[in-house]
Amino acid sequence: MVAFEHTPVLTWALNLAFIMLCIGLVLSFVRLFNGPKMADRIVALEVIASLVVGIVAVYSIMTRDPVFLDVAIVLALVAFIAAVAFASYLEKRGRAK
């Protein structure tokens, strides 16, 4: 594993990435609560899951701890399985009507 120093440019880029991900998270929560349709809320939940994975990945780079990348992978897999399960539920519910 190659050790690297955090240069000022890397630190600046990681901080900017955190800020952008947090702004996206806030906007996604606004869409989650104000979404007029169920589809808007589902997409907002998926975006929130993706942003949380991004935040964990950036944090892993900042702390130089690769264990957090495993956490990010598990979060991404759980979010994907939840999306598939919810889509299946909505499809079955639509057929019952």
C-alpha atoms as a PDB file:
ATOM      1  CA  MET A   1       0.000   0.000   0.000  1.00  0.00           C
ATOM      2  CA  VAL A   2       1.389   3.346  -1.012  1.00  0.00           C
ATOM      3  CA  ALA A   3       1.446   5.965   1.712  1.00  0.00           C
ATOM      4  CA  PHE A   4       0.749   9.503   0.636  1.00  0.00           C
ATOM      5  CA  GLU A   5       0.684  12.841   2.324  1.00  0.00           C
ATOM      6  CA  HIS A   6      -2.381  15.009   2.396  1.00  0.00           C
ATOM      7  CA  THR A   7      -1.393  17.977   0.293  1.00  0.00           C
ATOM      8  CA  PRO A   8      -3.240  21.282   0.638  1.00  0.00           C
ATOM      9  CA  VAL A   9      -4.941  20.658  -2.711  1.00  0.00           C
ATOM     10  CA  LEU A  10      -6.171  17.228  -1.616  1.00  0.00           C
ATOM     11  CA  THR A  11      -7.413  18.604   1.688  1.00  0.00           C
ATOM     12  CA  TRP A  12      -9.205  21.424  -0.130  1.00  0.00           C
ATOM     13  CA  ALA A  13     -10.767  18.965  -2.612  1.00  0.00           C
ATOM     14  CA  LEU A  14     -11.949  16.627   0.143  1.00  0.00           C
ATOM     15  CA  ASN A  15     -13.480  19.495   2.098  1.00  0.00           C
ATOM     16  CA  LEU A  16     -15.214  20.737  -1.060  1.00  0.00           C
ATOM     17  CA  ALA A  17     -16.517  17.227  -1.729  1.00  0.00           C
ATOM     18  CA  PHE A  18     -17.922  17.045   1.814  1.00  0.00           C
ATOM     19  CA  ILE A  19     -19.659  20.391   1.394  1.00  0.00           C
ATOM     20  CA  MET A  20     -21.171  19.418  -1.950  1.00  0.00           C
ATOM     21  CA  LEU A  21     -22.347  16.045  -0.650  1.00  0.00           C
ATOM     22  CA  CYS A  22     -23.936  17.676   2.402  1.00  0.00           C
ATOM     23  CA  ILE A  23     -25.748  20.237   0.241  1.00  0.00           C
ATOM     24  CA  GLY A  24     -27.044  17.398  -1.917  1.00  0.00           C
ATOM     25  CA  LEU A  25     -28.151  15.555   1.208  1.00  0.00           C
ATOM     26  CA  VAL A  26     -30.125  18.563   2.456  1.00  0.00           C
ATOM     27  CA  LEU A  27     -31.776  19.039  -0.939  1.00  0.00           C
ATOM     28  CA  SER A  28     -32.653  15.350  -1.092  1.00  0.00           C
ATOM     29  CA  PHE A  29     -34.300  15.526   2.319  1.00  0.00           C
ATOM     30  CA  VAL A  30     -36.341  18.492   1.110  1.00  0.00           C
ATOM     31  CA  ARG A  31     -37.510  16.424  -1.879  1.00  0.00           C
ATOM     32  CA  LEU A  32     -38.227  13.488   0.424  1.00  0.00           C
ATOM     33  CA  PHE A  33     -40.537  15.522   2.626  1.00  0.00           C
ATOM     34  CA  ASN A  34     -42.120  17.710  -0.065  1.00  0.00           C
ATOM     35  CA  GLY A  35     -42.284  15.230  -2.921  1.00  0.00           C
ATOM     36  CA  PRO A  36     -45.777  15.303  -4.377  1.00  0.00           C
ATOM     37  CA  LYS A  37     -45.670  11.693  -5.585  1.00  0.00           C
ATOM     38  CA  MET A  38     -44.433   8.423  -4.179  1.00  0.00           C
ATOM     39  CA  ALA A  39     -41.941   8.102  -7.039  1.00  0.00           C
ATOM     40  CA  ASP A  40     -40.304  11.395  -5.994  1.00  0.00           C
ATOM     41  CA  ARG A  41     -39.872  10.108  -2.469  1.00  0.00           C
ATOM     42  CA  ILE A  42     -38.411   6.793  -3.651  1.00  0.00           C
ATOM     43  CA  VAL A  43     -35.881   8.550  -5.876  1.00  0.00           C
ATOM     44  CA  ALA A  44     -34.987  10.888  -2.998  1.00  0.00           C
ATOM     45  CA  LEU A  45     -34.322   7.897  -0.732  1.00  0.00           C
ATOM     46  CA  GLU A  46     -32.055   6.353  -3.347  1.00  0.00           C
ATOM     47  CA  VAL A  47     -30.177   9.614  -3.791  1.00  0.00           C
ATOM     48  CA  ILE A  48     -29.776   9.924  -0.021  1.00  0.00           C
ATOM     49  CA  ALA A  49     -28.334   6.403   0.136  1.00  0.00           C
ATOM     50  CA  SER A  50     -25.890   7.213  -2.671  1.00  0.00           C
ATOM     51  CA  LEU A  51     -24.825  10.457  -0.995  1.00  0.00           C
ATOM     52  CA  VAL A  52     -24.234   8.682   2.317  1.00  0.00           C
ATOM     53  CA  VAL A  53     -22.030   6.161   0.496  1.00  0.00           C
ATOM     54  CA  GLY A  54     -20.110   9.082  -1.005  1.00  0.00           C
ATOM     55  CA  ILE A  55     -19.706  10.743   2.381  1.00  0.00           C
ATOM     56  CA  VAL A  56     -18.382   7.539   3.911  1.00  0.00           C
ATOM     57  CA  ALA A  57     -15.945   7.100   0.996  1.00  0.00           C
ATOM     58  CA  VAL A  58     -14.640  10.664   1.317  1.00  0.00           C
ATOM     59  CA  TYR A  59     -14.285  10.202   5.069  1.00  0.00           C
ATOM     60  CA  SER A  60     -12.321   7.011   4.420  1.00  0.00           C
ATOM     61  CA  ILE A  61      -9.916   8.931   2.199  1.00  0.00           C
ATOM     62  CA  MET A  62      -9.572  11.738   4.743  1.00  0.00           C
ATOM     63  CA  THR A  63      -8.788   9.408   7.630  1.00  0.00           C
ATOM     64  CA  ARG A  64      -6.747   6.973   5.495  1.00  0.00           C
ATOM     65  CA  ASP A  65      -8.739   4.108   6.983  1.00  0.00           C
ATOM     66  CA  PRO A  66      -9.812   1.572   4.328  1.00  0.00           C
ATOM     67  CA  VAL A  67     -12.241  -0.124   6.718  1.00  0.00           C
ATOM     68  CA  PHE A  68     -14.774   2.602   5.963  1.00  0.00           C
ATOM     69  CA  LEU A  69     -14.731   1.587   2.297  1.00  0.00           C
ATOM     70  CA  ASP A  70     -16.132  -1.779   3.369  1.00  0.00           C
ATOM     71  CA  VAL A  71     -18.892   0.090   5.183  1.00  0.00           C
ATOM     72  CA  ALA A  72     -19.617   2.098   2.033  1.00  0.00           C
ATOM     73  CA  ILE A  73     -19.854  -1.076  -0.060  1.00  0.00           C
ATOM     74  CA  VAL A  74     -22.247  -2.698   2.398  1.00  0.00           C
ATOM     75  CA  LEU A  75     -24.406   0.441   2.493  1.00  0.00           C
ATOM     76  CA  ALA A  76     -24.556   0.520  -1.299  1.00  0.00           C
ATOM     77  CA  LEU A  77     -25.565  -3.147  -1.479  1.00  0.00           C
ATOM     78  CA  VAL A  78     -28.271  -2.759   1.160  1.00  0.00           C
ATOM     79  CA  ALA A  79     -29.646   0.326  -0.595  1.00  0.00           C
ATOM     80  CA  PHE A  80     -29.769  -1.550  -3.903  1.00  0.00           C
ATOM     81  CA  ILE A  81     -31.563  -4.540  -2.380  1.00  0.00           C
ATOM     82  CA  ALA A  82     -34.025  -2.215  -0.655  1.00  0.00           C
ATOM     83  CA  ALA A  83     -34.749  -0.435  -3.940  1.00  0.00           C
ATOM     84  CA  VAL A  84     -35.403  -3.717  -5.729  1.00  0.00           C
ATOM     85  CA  ALA A  85     -37.639  -4.948  -2.916  1.00  0.00           C
ATOM     86  CA  PHE A  86     -39.615  -1.717  -2.815  1.00  0.00           C
ATOM     87  CA  ALA A  87     -40.047  -1.700  -6.599  1.00  0.00           C
ATOM     88  CA  SER A  88     -41.283  -5.275  -6.452  1.00  0.00           C
ATOM     89  CA  TYR A  89     -43.744  -4.333  -3.719  1.00  0.00           C
ATOM     90  CA  LEU A  90     -45.082  -1.394  -5.702  1.00  0.00           C
ATOM     91  CA  GLU A  91     -45.428  -3.526  -8.814  1.00  0.00           C
ATOM     92  CA  LYS A  92     -47.422  -6.179  -6.965  1.00  0.00           C
ATOM     93  CA  ARG A  93     -49.563  -3.547  -5.296  1.00  0.00           C
ATOM     94  CA  GLY A  94     -50.336  -1.997  -8.685  1.00  0.00           C
ATOM     95  CA  ARG A  95     -51.516  -5.346 -10.083  1.00  0.00           C
ATOM     96  CA  ALA A  96     -53.872  -5.939  -7.153  1.00  0.00           C
ATOM     97  CA  LYS A  97     -55.907  -2.823  -7.926  1.00  0.00           C
END
